């Protein structure tokens, strides 16, 4: 419903998950999201020593991930 190829073809994470579960199956979708989580956690672990540790502020991080046709996630930035 929200998909629009003229505006970047973006879906919410929830709708992406629902779409993948209906087209690829629940187990494969769960594995994909576990792999995405792994990428995020390990990238944060890699930079943890140089991140500012100040209890009076916080930082927001964003991730760009491409998913190939075999449902393998690729961290772009």
C-alpha atoms as a PDB file:
ATOM      1  CA  UNK A   1       0.000   0.000   0.000  1.00  0.00           C
ATOM      2  CA  UNK A   2       2.787   2.464   0.890  1.00  0.00           C
ATOM      3  CA  UNK A   3       5.233   1.284  -1.794  1.00  0.00           C
ATOM      4  CA  UNK A   4       5.921   3.870  -4.479  1.00  0.00           C
ATOM      5  CA  UNK A   5       8.618   3.169  -7.058  1.00  0.00           C
ATOM      6  CA  UNK A   6       8.692   6.854  -8.027  1.00  0.00           C
ATOM      7  CA  UNK A   7       9.857   7.827  -4.533  1.00  0.00           C
ATOM      8  CA  UNK A   8      12.705   5.392  -3.990  1.00  0.00           C
ATOM      9  CA  UNK A   9      10.688   2.231  -3.504  1.00  0.00           C
ATOM     10  CA  UNK A  10      10.845   2.475   0.286  1.00  0.00           C
ATOM     11  CA  UNK A  11       8.905   0.248   2.669  1.00  0.00           C
ATOM     12  CA  UNK A  12       8.668   0.367   6.438  1.00  0.00           C
ATOM     13  CA  UNK A  13      10.575  -2.404   8.186  1.00  0.00           C
ATOM     14  CA  UNK A  14       7.282  -3.914   9.321  1.00  0.00           C
ATOM     15  CA  UNK A  15       5.850  -4.004   5.797  1.00  0.00           C
ATOM     16  CA  UNK A  16       9.107  -5.352   4.383  1.00  0.00           C
ATOM     17  CA  UNK A  17       9.009  -8.165   6.930  1.00  0.00           C
ATOM     18  CA  UNK A  18       5.378  -8.975   6.087  1.00  0.00           C
ATOM     19  CA  UNK A  19       6.120  -8.952   2.364  1.00  0.00           C
ATOM     20  CA  UNK A  20       9.139 -11.233   2.732  1.00  0.00           C
ATOM     21  CA  UNK A  21       7.294 -13.633   5.031  1.00  0.00           C
ATOM     22  CA  UNK A  22       4.485 -13.948   2.481  1.00  0.00           C
ATOM     23  CA  UNK A  23       6.813 -14.411  -0.507  1.00  0.00           C
ATOM     24  CA  UNK A  24       9.878 -16.178   0.938  1.00  0.00           C
ATOM     25  CA  UNK A  25       8.674 -17.751   4.185  1.00  0.00           C
ATOM     26  CA  UNK A  26       8.963 -16.965   7.873  1.00  0.00           C
ATOM     27  CA  UNK A  27      12.182 -18.885   8.596  1.00  0.00           C
ATOM     28  CA  UNK A  28      14.115 -17.237   5.756  1.00  0.00           C
ATOM     29  CA  UNK A  29      12.832 -13.804   6.781  1.00  0.00           C
ATOM     30  CA  UNK A  30      13.837 -14.354  10.407  1.00  0.00           C
ATOM     31  CA  UNK A  31      17.316 -15.385   9.278  1.00  0.00           C
ATOM     32  CA  UNK A  32      17.614 -12.228   7.155  1.00  0.00           C
ATOM     33  CA  UNK A  33      16.686  -9.962  10.059  1.00  0.00           C
ATOM     34  CA  UNK A  34      19.051 -11.849  12.373  1.00  0.00           C
ATOM     35  CA  UNK A  35      21.843 -11.262   9.839  1.00  0.00           C
ATOM     36  CA  UNK A  36      20.961  -7.562   9.632  1.00  0.00           C
ATOM     37  CA  UNK A  37      21.098  -7.335  13.431  1.00  0.00           C
ATOM     38  CA  UNK A  38      24.479  -9.084  13.385  1.00  0.00           C
ATOM     39  CA  UNK A  39      25.830  -6.486  10.916  1.00  0.00           C
ATOM     40  CA  UNK A  40      24.618  -3.613  13.065  1.00  0.00           C
ATOM     41  CA  UNK A  41      25.859  -5.003  16.380  1.00  0.00           C
ATOM     42  CA  UNK A  42      29.291  -5.914  15.031  1.00  0.00           C
ATOM     43  CA  UNK A  43      29.766  -2.568  13.302  1.00  0.00           C
ATOM     44  CA  UNK A  44      29.015  -0.824  16.607  1.00  0.00           C
ATOM     45  CA  UNK A  45      31.404  -3.131  18.468  1.00  0.00           C
ATOM     46  CA  UNK A  46      34.120  -2.246  15.963  1.00  0.00           C
ATOM     47  CA  UNK A  47      33.853   1.492  16.653  1.00  0.00           C
ATOM     48  CA  UNK A  48      32.966   1.304  20.360  1.00  0.00           C
ATOM     49  CA  UNK A  49      36.506   2.177  21.532  1.00  0.00           C
ATOM     50  CA  UNK A  50      36.437   5.509  19.677  1.00  0.00           C
ATOM     51  CA  UNK A  51      32.826   6.491  20.421  1.00  0.00           C
ATOM     52  CA  UNK A  52      32.246   9.356  22.841  1.00  0.00           C
ATOM     53  CA  UNK A  53      31.029   8.105  26.202  1.00  0.00           C
ATOM     54  CA  UNK A  54      29.149  10.989  27.793  1.00  0.00           C
ATOM     55  CA  UNK A  55      26.122  10.341  29.972  1.00  0.00           C
ATOM     56  CA  UNK A  56      24.735  13.800  29.152  1.00  0.00           C
ATOM     57  CA  UNK A  57      24.258  13.223  25.432  1.00  0.00           C
ATOM     58  CA  UNK A  58      23.512  10.548  22.890  1.00  0.00           C
ATOM     59  CA  UNK A  59      24.096   9.850  19.224  1.00  0.00           C
ATOM     60  CA  UNK A  60      21.763   8.402  16.615  1.00  0.00           C
ATOM     61  CA  UNK A  61      23.148   6.051  14.024  1.00  0.00           C
ATOM     62  CA  UNK A  62      21.538   5.108  10.747  1.00  0.00           C
ATOM     63  CA  UNK A  63      22.277   2.163   8.515  1.00  0.00           C
ATOM     64  CA  UNK A  64      21.833   1.668   4.795  1.00  0.00           C
ATOM     65  CA  UNK A  65      21.523  -2.001   3.955  1.00  0.00           C
ATOM     66  CA  UNK A  66      20.911  -3.578   0.569  1.00  0.00           C
ATOM     67  CA  UNK A  67      19.314  -7.025   0.420  1.00  0.00           C
ATOM     68  CA  UNK A  68      20.300  -9.146  -2.571  1.00  0.00           C
ATOM     69  CA  UNK A  69      18.084 -11.678  -4.353  1.00  0.00           C
ATOM     70  CA  UNK A  70      19.401 -14.448  -2.076  1.00  0.00           C
ATOM     71  CA  UNK A  71      18.296 -12.379   0.955  1.00  0.00           C
ATOM     72  CA  UNK A  72      21.844 -11.608   2.009  1.00  0.00           C
ATOM     73  CA  UNK A  73      22.164  -8.183   3.645  1.00  0.00           C
ATOM     74  CA  UNK A  74      25.005  -5.880   2.575  1.00  0.00           C
ATOM     75  CA  UNK A  75      25.966  -2.966   4.811  1.00  0.00           C
ATOM     76  CA  UNK A  76      26.443   0.093   2.612  1.00  0.00           C
ATOM     77  CA  UNK A  77      27.097   2.774   5.233  1.00  0.00           C
END
